[in-house]
Amino acid sequence: MVGGAQIGGLKMAEEYSISEIMVTSLADGIKSGDVIFQGAATPMPMVAIELARATHAKDTVYFSALGVSPRDPLNFEALLTDGLTEVLKKAKLTNYLFGREMWDEVNKGKLTLEFLRPAQIDKYWNCNNCVLYGEDRNFQKPKFRFPGGMAVSDAINLMERVILYTPAHRPRTFVDKVDFLMVKGYPLSKWRKENKLGNGPIKMVTNLCIFEPDPETSLMKIASIHPGVSLNEVLENTGFKPLIPKNIPETPKPTNKQLQLLRETIDPIGFRDLEFPELRMKVMARAAEKGINF
């Protein structure tokens, strides 16, 4: 919590960090009764889920590969020496680890929400987490290969809604057209309704602003801009022109209660900051002080 530090291209406010306003914005999208499926390598959403469960969505349930509390992350040194079974016996689990039960919820149509961090996204909310092409656009020899989509394409179509996020709001993330169509966007569209699909992405939280889909066109529209950020900063870092309402509200700041929960109870190590490459060593140092080794 260092006032004036640069994170993700944005100057932090004295009273809260960029990761904290992003986490609280993500938590605001969680409803009471949500059944969430979430990947294990997504620190911000995991912290946001715990924040929502501690405030306005106490009966939220979520499934992940590792249901480990952000306040007590896995000690990977112990994982290597003692094995996963022994480590998980001692860990504080905060959600369900059972894959079969999770897919049963999918088949019943009960999963309501998932968070996703796309490597690329365009103005119609199409997402790419697979490859970046070079000039020759050769799929077999891409410029960069991402982890891939796994079940994300299915999830975004089957879920009631999806919330996207990125701590790196820049033109190479927000592009006019994605290099590879991993997930079809078009949220709230007639196409989705006719095919009895979920609403698709209903929010995008970045380190600069929040986007929401226009209900008529599905186009990305600025919903709010974070305190201290100008409209020009948002536009300069977006590779297409989003819809701009006449009056753009300011993103709500984290409340004192939210900050206290995050810093003292839910995520005292600052697990949420792992999303920023320039802060990872500091998080690891704090974890090491508590005897936790990544």
C-alpha atoms as a PDB file:
ATOM      1  CA  MET A   1       0.000   0.000   0.000  1.00  0.00           C
ATOM      2  CA  VAL A   2       2.491   2.594  -1.140  1.00  0.00           C
ATOM      3  CA  GLY A   3       0.929   5.870  -2.258  1.00  0.00           C
ATOM      4  CA  GLY A   4       2.167   7.134  -5.604  1.00  0.00           C
ATOM      5  CA  ALA A   5       3.614   3.807  -6.834  1.00  0.00           C
ATOM      6  CA  GLN A   6       3.100   2.857 -10.469  1.00  0.00           C
ATOM      7  CA  ILE A   7       1.163  -0.377 -11.037  1.00  0.00           C
ATOM      8  CA  GLY A   8      -0.126  -1.567 -14.388  1.00  0.00           C
ATOM      9  CA  GLY A   9       0.556   1.874 -15.863  1.00  0.00           C
ATOM     10  CA  LEU A  10      -1.619   3.644 -13.325  1.00  0.00           C
ATOM     11  CA  LYS A  11      -0.614   5.635 -10.260  1.00  0.00           C
ATOM     12  CA  MET A  12      -1.983   4.141  -7.065  1.00  0.00           C
ATOM     13  CA  ALA A  13      -4.077   6.252  -4.752  1.00  0.00           C
ATOM     14  CA  GLU A  14      -2.864   6.755  -1.185  1.00  0.00           C
ATOM     15  CA  GLU A  15      -5.780   4.938   0.436  1.00  0.00           C
ATOM     16  CA  TYR A  16      -6.107   1.823  -1.766  1.00  0.00           C
ATOM     17  CA  SER A  17      -4.255  -0.022  -4.496  1.00  0.00           C
ATOM     18  CA  ILE A  18      -5.302  -0.798  -8.057  1.00  0.00           C
ATOM     19  CA  SER A  19      -5.607  -4.484  -7.221  1.00  0.00           C
ATOM     20  CA  GLU A  20      -7.989  -3.580  -4.390  1.00  0.00           C
ATOM     21  CA  ILE A  21     -10.343  -1.489  -6.539  1.00  0.00           C
ATOM     22  CA  MET A  22     -10.295  -4.265  -9.144  1.00  0.00           C
ATOM     23  CA  VAL A  23     -11.058  -6.943  -6.540  1.00  0.00           C
ATOM     24  CA  THR A  24     -13.936  -4.948  -5.051  1.00  0.00           C
ATOM     25  CA  SER A  25     -15.317  -4.286  -8.550  1.00  0.00           C
ATOM     26  CA  LEU A  26     -15.179  -8.021  -9.306  1.00  0.00           C
ATOM     27  CA  ALA A  27     -16.837  -8.831  -5.988  1.00  0.00           C
ATOM     28  CA  ASP A  28     -19.677  -6.412  -6.791  1.00  0.00           C
ATOM     29  CA  GLY A  29     -20.620  -8.672  -9.725  1.00  0.00           C
ATOM     30  CA  ILE A  30     -21.193 -11.691  -7.464  1.00  0.00           C
ATOM     31  CA  LYS A  31     -24.775 -12.338  -6.396  1.00  0.00           C
ATOM     32  CA  SER A  32     -26.098 -14.155  -3.361  1.00  0.00           C
ATOM     33  CA  GLY A  33     -26.673 -17.779  -4.312  1.00  0.00           C
ATOM     34  CA  ASP A  34     -24.175 -17.828  -7.187  1.00  0.00           C
ATOM     35  CA  VAL A  35     -22.615 -21.195  -8.036  1.00  0.00           C
ATOM     36  CA  ILE A  36     -19.203 -20.350  -9.479  1.00  0.00           C
ATOM     37  CA  PHE A  37     -16.605 -22.360 -11.366  1.00  0.00           C
ATOM     38  CA  GLN A  38     -13.172 -20.752 -11.123  1.00  0.00           C
ATOM     39  CA  GLY A  39      -9.654 -21.728 -12.171  1.00  0.00           C
ATOM     40  CA  ALA A  40      -6.977 -22.086  -9.505  1.00  0.00           C
ATOM     41  CA  ALA A  41      -4.494 -19.679 -11.136  1.00  0.00           C
ATOM     42  CA  THR A  42      -6.694 -16.578 -10.885  1.00  0.00           C
ATOM     43  CA  PRO A  43      -5.745 -14.710  -7.692  1.00  0.00           C
ATOM     44  CA  MET A  44      -8.000 -11.657  -8.083  1.00  0.00           C
ATOM     45  CA  PRO A  45     -11.247 -13.593  -8.642  1.00  0.00           C
ATOM     46  CA  MET A  46     -10.425 -16.009  -5.814  1.00  0.00           C
ATOM     47  CA  VAL A  47      -9.938 -13.083  -3.429  1.00  0.00           C
ATOM     48  CA  ALA A  48     -13.054 -11.349  -4.822  1.00  0.00           C
ATOM     49  CA  ILE A  49     -15.154 -14.457  -4.182  1.00  0.00           C
ATOM     50  CA  GLU A  50     -13.983 -14.600  -0.568  1.00  0.00           C
ATOM     51  CA  LEU A  51     -14.736 -10.886  -0.168  1.00  0.00           C
ATOM     52  CA  ALA A  52     -18.258 -11.327  -1.551  1.00  0.00           C
ATOM     53  CA  ARG A  53     -18.850 -14.291   0.758  1.00  0.00           C
ATOM     54  CA  ALA A  54     -17.768 -12.182   3.731  1.00  0.00           C
ATOM     55  CA  THR A  55     -20.080  -9.291   2.843  1.00  0.00           C
ATOM     56  CA  HIS A  56     -23.121  -9.527   0.565  1.00  0.00           C
ATOM     57  CA  ALA A  57     -23.083 -13.083  -0.882  1.00  0.00           C
ATOM     58  CA  LYS A  58     -22.567 -15.404   2.073  1.00  0.00           C
ATOM     59  CA  ASP A  59     -24.253 -18.416   0.443  1.00  0.00           C
ATOM     60  CA  THR A  60     -22.073 -18.380  -2.682  1.00  0.00           C
ATOM     61  CA  VAL A  61     -20.572 -21.752  -3.633  1.00  0.00           C
ATOM     62  CA  TYR A  62     -17.640 -22.233  -5.959  1.00  0.00           C
ATOM     63  CA  PHE A  63     -15.657 -25.052  -7.494  1.00  0.00           C
ATOM     64  CA  SER A  64     -11.974 -24.914  -8.464  1.00  0.00           C
ATOM     65  CA  ALA A  65      -9.034 -27.226  -9.054  1.00  0.00           C
ATOM     66  CA  LEU A  66      -7.567 -26.214  -5.684  1.00  0.00           C
ATOM     67  CA  GLY A  67     -10.004 -24.804  -3.146  1.00  0.00           C
ATOM     68  CA  VAL A  68      -7.321 -23.123  -1.074  1.00  0.00           C
ATOM     69  CA  SER A  69      -7.907 -19.967   0.935  1.00  0.00           C
ATOM     70  CA  PRO A  70      -6.032 -16.853  -0.305  1.00  0.00           C
ATOM     71  CA  ARG A  71      -5.045 -16.166   3.305  1.00  0.00           C
ATOM     72  CA  ASP A  72      -3.259 -19.537   3.469  1.00  0.00           C
ATOM     73  CA  PRO A  73      -1.808 -20.316  -0.002  1.00  0.00           C
ATOM     74  CA  LEU A  74      -0.148 -23.633  -0.723  1.00  0.00           C
ATOM     75  CA  ASN A  75       3.452 -24.106   0.362  1.00  0.00           C
ATOM     76  CA  PHE A  76       4.953 -25.572  -2.794  1.00  0.00           C
ATOM     77  CA  GLU A  77       8.112 -26.669  -1.023  1.00  0.00           C
ATOM     78  CA  ALA A  78       5.935 -28.852   1.218  1.00  0.00           C
ATOM     79  CA  LEU A  79       3.982 -29.957  -1.851  1.00  0.00           C
ATOM     80  CA  LEU A  80       7.174 -31.331  -3.407  1.00  0.00           C
ATOM     81  CA  THR A  81       8.391 -33.056  -0.261  1.00  0.00           C
ATOM     82  CA  ASP A  82       5.169 -34.244   1.398  1.00  0.00           C
ATOM     83  CA  GLY A  83       2.876 -34.672  -1.605  1.00  0.00           C
ATOM     84  CA  LEU A  84      -0.473 -33.121  -2.507  1.00  0.00           C
ATOM     85  CA  THR A  85      -2.586 -35.354  -0.246  1.00  0.00           C
ATOM     86  CA  GLU A  86      -0.682 -34.482   2.920  1.00  0.00           C
ATOM     87  CA  VAL A  87      -0.545 -30.767   2.087  1.00  0.00           C
ATOM     88  CA  LEU A  88      -4.287 -30.578   1.400  1.00  0.00           C
ATOM     89  CA  LYS A  89      -5.021 -32.286   4.732  1.00  0.00           C
ATOM     90  CA  LYS A  90      -3.452 -29.299   6.482  1.00  0.00           C
ATOM     91  CA  ALA A  91      -4.739 -26.590   4.118  1.00  0.00           C
ATOM     92  CA  LYS A  92      -7.762 -24.399   4.776  1.00  0.00           C
ATOM     93  CA  LEU A  93     -10.138 -25.288   1.972  1.00  0.00           C
ATOM     94  CA  THR A  94     -12.784 -22.716   1.122  1.00  0.00           C
ATOM     95  CA  ASN A  95     -14.648 -24.378  -1.755  1.00  0.00           C
ATOM     96  CA  TYR A  96     -15.382 -27.669  -3.490  1.00  0.00           C
ATOM     97  CA  LEU A  97     -12.619 -29.742  -5.090  1.00  0.00           C
ATOM     98  CA  PHE A  98     -14.831 -32.419  -6.607  1.00  0.00           C
ATOM     99  CA  GLY A  99     -14.744 -32.447 -10.413  1.00  0.00           C
ATOM    100  CA  ARG A 100     -17.605 -34.914 -10.833  1.00  0.00           C
ATOM    101  CA  GLU A 101     -19.934 -32.821  -8.669  1.00  0.00           C
ATOM    102  CA  MET A 102     -18.944 -29.664 -10.538  1.00  0.00           C
ATOM    103  CA  TRP A 103     -19.815 -31.183 -13.935  1.00  0.00           C
ATOM    104  CA  ASP A 104     -23.065 -32.448 -12.457  1.00  0.00           C
ATOM    105  CA  GLU A 105     -23.910 -28.817 -11.664  1.00  0.00           C
ATOM    106  CA  VAL A 106     -23.053 -27.895 -15.279  1.00  0.00           C
ATOM    107  CA  ASN A 107     -25.406 -30.579 -16.621  1.00  0.00           C
ATOM    108  CA  LYS A 108     -28.172 -29.310 -14.366  1.00  0.00           C
ATOM    109  CA  GLY A 109     -27.616 -25.778 -15.639  1.00  0.00           C
ATOM    110  CA  LYS A 110     -26.909 -24.534 -12.135  1.00  0.00           C
ATOM    111  CA  LEU A 111     -23.483 -22.923 -12.628  1.00  0.00           C
ATOM    112  CA  THR A 112     -24.119 -19.188 -12.800  1.00  0.00           C
ATOM    113  CA  LEU A 113     -20.779 -17.366 -12.986  1.00  0.00           C
ATOM    114  CA  GLU A 114     -17.165 -17.654 -14.083  1.00  0.00           C
ATOM    115  CA  PHE A 115     -14.284 -15.167 -14.195  1.00  0.00           C
ATOM    116  CA  LEU A 116     -11.808 -15.098 -17.088  1.00  0.00           C
ATOM    117  CA  ARG A 117      -8.681 -13.103 -17.907  1.00  0.00           C
ATOM    118  CA  PRO A 118      -8.348 -13.021 -21.722  1.00  0.00           C
ATOM    119  CA  ALA A 119      -5.065 -12.309 -23.469  1.00  0.00           C
ATOM    120  CA  GLN A 120      -6.974 -10.543 -26.267  1.00  0.00           C
ATOM    121  CA  ILE A 121     -10.501  -9.191 -26.525  1.00  0.00           C
ATOM    122  CA  ASP A 122     -12.256  -7.196 -29.234  1.00  0.00           C
ATOM    123  CA  LYS A 123     -15.153  -4.729 -29.283  1.00  0.00           C
ATOM    124  CA  TYR A 124     -17.714  -7.547 -29.591  1.00  0.00           C
ATOM    125  CA  TRP A 125     -16.243  -9.365 -26.545  1.00  0.00           C
ATOM    126  CA  ASN A 126     -14.683 -12.178 -28.589  1.00  0.00           C
ATOM    127  CA  CYS A 127     -11.768 -13.594 -26.576  1.00  0.00           C
ATOM    128  CA  ASN A 128      -8.431 -15.234 -27.334  1.00  0.00           C
ATOM    129  CA  ASN A 129      -6.221 -17.175 -24.933  1.00  0.00           C
ATOM    130  CA  CYS A 130      -4.614 -19.434 -27.538  1.00  0.00           C
ATOM    131  CA  VAL A 131      -2.090 -17.805 -29.904  1.00  0.00           C
ATOM    132  CA  LEU A 132      -0.726 -14.530 -31.209  1.00  0.00           C
ATOM    133  CA  TYR A 133       0.111 -14.717 -34.908  1.00  0.00           C
ATOM    134  CA  GLY A 134       3.192 -13.317 -36.574  1.00  0.00           C
ATOM    135  CA  GLU A 135       3.070 -11.425 -39.851  1.00  0.00           C
ATOM    136  CA  ASP A 136       2.563 -14.643 -41.858  1.00  0.00           C
ATOM    137  CA  ARG A 137      -0.376 -15.660 -39.601  1.00  0.00           C
ATOM    138  CA  ASN A 138       0.843 -19.257 -39.470  1.00  0.00           C
ATOM    139  CA  PHE A 139      -1.085 -21.141 -36.783  1.00  0.00           C
ATOM    140  CA  GLN A 140       1.595 -23.857 -36.662  1.00  0.00           C
ATOM    141  CA  LYS A 141       4.315 -21.289 -35.942  1.00  0.00           C
ATOM    142  CA  PRO A 142       2.673 -18.490 -33.952  1.00  0.00           C
ATOM    143  CA  LYS A 143       4.522 -15.531 -32.510  1.00  0.00           C
ATOM    144  CA  PHE A 144       3.357 -16.527 -29.027  1.00  0.00           C
ATOM    145  CA  ARG A 145       1.383 -19.453 -27.660  1.00  0.00           C
ATOM    146  CA  PHE A 146      -0.892 -18.972 -24.614  1.00  0.00           C
ATOM    147  CA  PRO A 147      -2.147 -21.701 -22.261  1.00  0.00           C
ATOM    148  CA  GLY A 148      -5.297 -22.259 -24.331  1.00  0.00           C
ATOM    149  CA  GLY A 149      -8.976 -22.386 -23.578  1.00  0.00           C
ATOM    150  CA  MET A 150      -9.609 -25.839 -22.091  1.00  0.00           C
ATOM    151  CA  ALA A 151     -13.359 -25.778 -21.290  1.00  0.00           C
ATOM    152  CA  VAL A 152     -13.667 -21.982 -21.391  1.00  0.00           C
ATOM    153  CA  SER A 153     -15.538 -21.857 -24.718  1.00  0.00           C
ATOM    154  CA  ASP A 154     -18.233 -24.181 -23.377  1.00  0.00           C
ATOM    155  CA  ALA A 155     -18.359 -22.431 -20.003  1.00  0.00           C
ATOM    156  CA  ILE A 156     -18.920 -18.956 -21.429  1.00  0.00           C
ATOM    157  CA  ASN A 157     -21.809 -20.286 -23.499  1.00  0.00           C
ATOM    158  CA  LEU A 158     -23.358 -22.364 -20.716  1.00  0.00           C
ATOM    159  CA  MET A 159     -22.886 -20.039 -17.740  1.00  0.00           C
ATOM    160  CA  GLU A 160     -25.612 -17.590 -16.840  1.00  0.00           C
ATOM    161  CA  ARG A 161     -22.980 -14.842 -17.009  1.00  0.00           C
ATOM    162  CA  VAL A 162     -19.205 -14.274 -17.199  1.00  0.00           C
ATOM    163  CA  ILE A 163     -17.070 -11.472 -15.763  1.00  0.00           C
ATOM    164  CA  LEU A 164     -13.790 -10.679 -17.502  1.00  0.00           C
ATOM    165  CA  TYR A 165     -10.812  -8.841 -16.089  1.00  0.00           C
ATOM    166  CA  THR A 166      -7.286  -7.743 -16.912  1.00  0.00           C
ATOM    167  CA  PRO A 167      -4.726  -5.775 -14.894  1.00  0.00           C
ATOM    168  CA  ALA A 168      -3.023  -4.826 -18.176  1.00  0.00           C
ATOM    169  CA  HIS A 169      -5.295  -2.429 -20.087  1.00  0.00           C
ATOM    170  CA  ARG A 170      -3.312  -1.812 -23.288  1.00  0.00           C
ATOM    171  CA  PRO A 171      -3.824  -1.802 -27.075  1.00  0.00           C
ATOM    172  CA  ARG A 172      -2.379  -5.290 -27.546  1.00  0.00           C
ATOM    173  CA  THR A 173      -5.014  -6.678 -25.157  1.00  0.00           C
ATOM    174  CA  PHE A 174      -7.964  -4.656 -26.478  1.00  0.00           C
ATOM    175  CA  VAL A 175      -7.729  -5.259 -30.233  1.00  0.00           C
ATOM    176  CA  ASP A 176      -9.952  -4.536 -33.216  1.00  0.00           C
ATOM    177  CA  LYS A 177     -10.056  -8.256 -34.072  1.00  0.00           C
ATOM    178  CA  VAL A 178      -8.708 -11.187 -32.040  1.00  0.00           C
ATOM    179  CA  ASP A 179      -6.004 -13.303 -33.682  1.00  0.00           C
ATOM    180  CA  PHE A 180      -7.766 -16.537 -32.743  1.00  0.00           C
ATOM    181  CA  LEU A 181     -11.455 -16.900 -31.887  1.00  0.00           C
ATOM    182  CA  MET A 182     -11.373 -18.998 -28.717  1.00  0.00           C
ATOM    183  CA  VAL A 183     -14.606 -17.670 -27.214  1.00  0.00           C
ATOM    184  CA  LYS A 184     -17.434 -16.056 -29.157  1.00  0.00           C
ATOM    185  CA  GLY A 185     -18.685 -12.934 -27.397  1.00  0.00           C
ATOM    186  CA  TYR A 186     -21.810 -11.029 -28.480  1.00  0.00           C
ATOM    187  CA  PRO A 187     -23.265 -10.799 -24.955  1.00  0.00           C
ATOM    188  CA  LEU A 188     -27.004 -10.245 -24.443  1.00  0.00           C
ATOM    189  CA  SER A 189     -27.520 -10.866 -28.157  1.00  0.00           C
ATOM    190  CA  LYS A 190     -30.442 -12.349 -30.088  1.00  0.00           C
ATOM    191  CA  TRP A 191     -28.091 -15.138 -31.200  1.00  0.00           C
ATOM    192  CA  ARG A 192     -27.544 -16.189 -27.592  1.00  0.00           C
ATOM    193  CA  LYS A 193     -31.249 -16.095 -26.756  1.00  0.00           C
ATOM    194  CA  GLU A 194     -32.254 -18.087 -29.847  1.00  0.00           C
ATOM    195  CA  ASN A 195     -29.727 -20.803 -29.000  1.00  0.00           C
ATOM    196  CA  LYS A 196     -30.665 -20.812 -25.300  1.00  0.00           C
ATOM    197  CA  LEU A 197     -27.148 -19.836 -24.249  1.00  0.00           C
ATOM    198  CA  GLY A 198     -25.991 -17.800 -21.278  1.00  0.00           C
ATOM    199  CA  ASN A 199     -25.762 -14.018 -21.403  1.00  0.00           C
ATOM    200  CA  GLY A 200     -22.019 -14.140 -22.078  1.00  0.00           C
ATOM    201  CA  PRO A 201     -19.598 -11.551 -20.646  1.00  0.00           C
ATOM    202  CA  ILE A 202     -21.527  -8.930 -18.694  1.00  0.00           C
ATOM    203  CA  LYS A 203     -18.592  -6.915 -17.343  1.00  0.00           C
ATOM    204  CA  MET A 204     -14.886  -6.288 -17.989  1.00  0.00           C
ATOM    205  CA  VAL A 205     -12.824  -4.901 -15.099  1.00  0.00           C
ATOM    206  CA  THR A 206      -9.414  -3.412 -15.940  1.00  0.00           C
ATOM    207  CA  ASN A 207      -6.782  -1.370 -14.125  1.00  0.00           C
ATOM    208  CA  LEU A 208      -8.243   1.744 -15.787  1.00  0.00           C
ATOM    209  CA  CYS A 209     -12.002   1.304 -16.042  1.00  0.00           C
ATOM    210  CA  ILE A 210     -15.003  -1.001 -16.258  1.00  0.00           C
ATOM    211  CA  PHE A 211     -16.707  -1.961 -19.527  1.00  0.00           C
ATOM    212  CA  GLU A 212     -20.207  -3.381 -19.951  1.00  0.00           C
ATOM    213  CA  PRO A 213     -21.944  -4.596 -23.147  1.00  0.00           C
ATOM    214  CA  ASP A 214     -24.458  -2.390 -24.909  1.00  0.00           C
ATOM    215  CA  PRO A 215     -27.779  -4.319 -24.759  1.00  0.00           C
ATOM    216  CA  GLU A 216     -28.712  -3.344 -28.321  1.00  0.00           C
ATOM    217  CA  THR A 217     -25.446  -3.947 -30.200  1.00  0.00           C
ATOM    218  CA  SER A 218     -23.309  -6.083 -27.810  1.00  0.00           C
ATOM    219  CA  LEU A 219     -20.524  -3.534 -28.358  1.00  0.00           C
ATOM    220  CA  MET A 220     -18.173  -2.740 -25.492  1.00  0.00           C
ATOM    221  CA  LYS A 221     -19.263   0.385 -23.626  1.00  0.00           C
ATOM    222  CA  ILE A 222     -17.480   2.302 -20.886  1.00  0.00           C
ATOM    223  CA  ALA A 223     -19.462   1.794 -17.669  1.00  0.00           C
ATOM    224  CA  SER A 224     -17.168   3.677 -15.268  1.00  0.00           C
ATOM    225  CA  ILE A 225     -13.636   5.049 -15.044  1.00  0.00           C
ATOM    226  CA  HIS A 226     -11.450   4.544 -11.986  1.00  0.00           C
ATOM    227  CA  PRO A 227     -10.634   7.572  -9.798  1.00  0.00           C
ATOM    228  CA  GLY A 228      -7.608   9.462 -11.113  1.00  0.00           C
ATOM    229  CA  VAL A 229      -7.939   8.086 -14.664  1.00  0.00           C
ATOM    230  CA  SER A 230      -8.985  10.234 -17.628  1.00  0.00           C
ATOM    231  CA  LEU A 231     -11.133   9.229 -20.590  1.00  0.00           C
ATOM    232  CA  ASN A 232      -8.146   9.904 -22.858  1.00  0.00           C
ATOM    233  CA  GLU A 233      -6.048   7.372 -20.912  1.00  0.00           C
ATOM    234  CA  VAL A 234      -8.726   4.736 -21.459  1.00  0.00           C
ATOM    235  CA  LEU A 235      -9.049   5.491 -25.179  1.00  0.00           C
ATOM    236  CA  GLU A 236      -5.283   5.647 -25.765  1.00  0.00           C
ATOM    237  CA  ASN A 237      -4.911   2.173 -24.277  1.00  0.00           C
ATOM    238  CA  THR A 238      -7.807   0.599 -26.176  1.00  0.00           C
ATOM    239  CA  GLY A 239      -7.174  -0.676 -29.711  1.00  0.00           C
ATOM    240  CA  PHE A 240     -10.686   0.233 -30.883  1.00  0.00           C
ATOM    241  CA  LYS A 241     -13.179   2.951 -30.057  1.00  0.00           C
ATOM    242  CA  PRO A 242     -15.642   1.754 -27.394  1.00  0.00           C
ATOM    243  CA  LEU A 243     -19.083   3.255 -26.950  1.00  0.00           C
ATOM    244  CA  ILE A 244     -18.861   6.363 -24.771  1.00  0.00           C
ATOM    245  CA  PRO A 245     -21.921   7.467 -22.764  1.00  0.00           C
ATOM    246  CA  LYS A 246     -22.547  11.167 -22.196  1.00  0.00           C
ATOM    247  CA  ASN A 247     -21.996  10.957 -18.458  1.00  0.00           C
ATOM    248  CA  ILE A 248     -19.404   8.434 -17.311  1.00  0.00           C
ATOM    249  CA  PRO A 249     -19.532   7.681 -13.584  1.00  0.00           C
ATOM    250  CA  GLU A 250     -16.481   7.142 -11.402  1.00  0.00           C
ATOM    251  CA  THR A 251     -15.856   3.570 -10.261  1.00  0.00           C
ATOM    252  CA  PRO A 252     -16.801   3.264  -6.574  1.00  0.00           C
ATOM    253  CA  LYS A 253     -13.766   3.219  -4.285  1.00  0.00           C
ATOM    254  CA  PRO A 254     -13.301   0.286  -1.893  1.00  0.00           C
ATOM    255  CA  THR A 255     -15.039   0.882   1.428  1.00  0.00           C
ATOM    256  CA  ASN A 256     -13.148   0.890   4.717  1.00  0.00           C
ATOM    257  CA  LYS A 257     -14.849  -2.395   5.610  1.00  0.00           C
ATOM    258  CA  GLN A 258     -13.759  -4.015   2.345  1.00  0.00           C
ATOM    259  CA  LEU A 259     -10.179  -2.827   2.769  1.00  0.00           C
ATOM    260  CA  GLN A 260     -10.023  -4.080   6.344  1.00  0.00           C
ATOM    261  CA  LEU A 261     -11.337  -7.498   5.311  1.00  0.00           C
ATOM    262  CA  LEU A 262      -8.890  -7.739   2.411  1.00  0.00           C
ATOM    263  CA  ARG A 263      -5.816  -6.623   4.328  1.00  0.00           C
ATOM    264  CA  GLU A 264      -6.418  -8.242   7.701  1.00  0.00           C
ATOM    265  CA  THR A 265      -8.585 -11.315   7.142  1.00  0.00           C
ATOM    266  CA  ILE A 266      -9.029 -12.503   3.574  1.00  0.00           C
ATOM    267  CA  ASP A 267      -5.716 -11.740   1.881  1.00  0.00           C
ATOM    268  CA  PRO A 268      -3.096 -10.358   4.300  1.00  0.00           C
ATOM    269  CA  ILE A 269      -0.265 -11.737   2.136  1.00  0.00           C
ATOM    270  CA  GLY A 270      -1.506  -9.758  -0.875  1.00  0.00           C
ATOM    271  CA  PHE A 271      -2.214 -12.783  -3.065  1.00  0.00           C
ATOM    272  CA  ARG A 272      -4.251 -10.405  -5.288  1.00  0.00           C
ATOM    273  CA  ASP A 273      -1.049  -8.577  -6.320  1.00  0.00           C
ATOM    274  CA  LEU A 274       0.326 -11.684  -8.076  1.00  0.00           C
ATOM    275  CA  GLU A 275      -1.584 -10.533 -11.169  1.00  0.00           C
ATOM    276  CA  PHE A 276       0.977  -7.703 -11.566  1.00  0.00           C
ATOM    277  CA  PRO A 277       4.420  -8.993 -12.679  1.00  0.00           C
ATOM    278  CA  GLU A 278       6.196  -6.043 -11.013  1.00  0.00           C
ATOM    279  CA  LEU A 279       4.701  -6.975  -7.617  1.00  0.00           C
ATOM    280  CA  ARG A 280       5.205 -10.753  -7.610  1.00  0.00           C
ATOM    281  CA  MET A 281       8.557 -10.732  -5.837  1.00  0.00           C
ATOM    282  CA  LYS A 282       7.089  -8.599  -3.031  1.00  0.00           C
ATOM    283  CA  VAL A 283       4.214 -11.052  -2.596  1.00  0.00           C
ATOM    284  CA  MET A 284       6.647 -13.965  -2.513  1.00  0.00           C
ATOM    285  CA  ALA A 285       8.779 -12.144   0.062  1.00  0.00           C
ATOM    286  CA  ARG A 286       5.747 -11.576   2.306  1.00  0.00           C
ATOM    287  CA  ALA A 287       4.794 -15.221   1.935  1.00  0.00           C
ATOM    288  CA  ALA A 288       8.338 -16.340   2.778  1.00  0.00           C
ATOM    289  CA  GLU A 289       8.195 -14.320   6.000  1.00  0.00           C
ATOM    290  CA  LYS A 290       5.247 -16.506   7.015  1.00  0.00           C
ATOM    291  CA  GLY A 291       7.043 -19.712   6.037  1.00  0.00           C
ATOM    292  CA  ILE A 292       5.178 -20.135   2.737  1.00  0.00           C
ATOM    293  CA  ASN A 293       7.267 -20.877  -0.344  1.00  0.00           C
ATOM    294  CA  PHE A 294       5.883 -20.604  -3.877  1.00  0.00           C
END
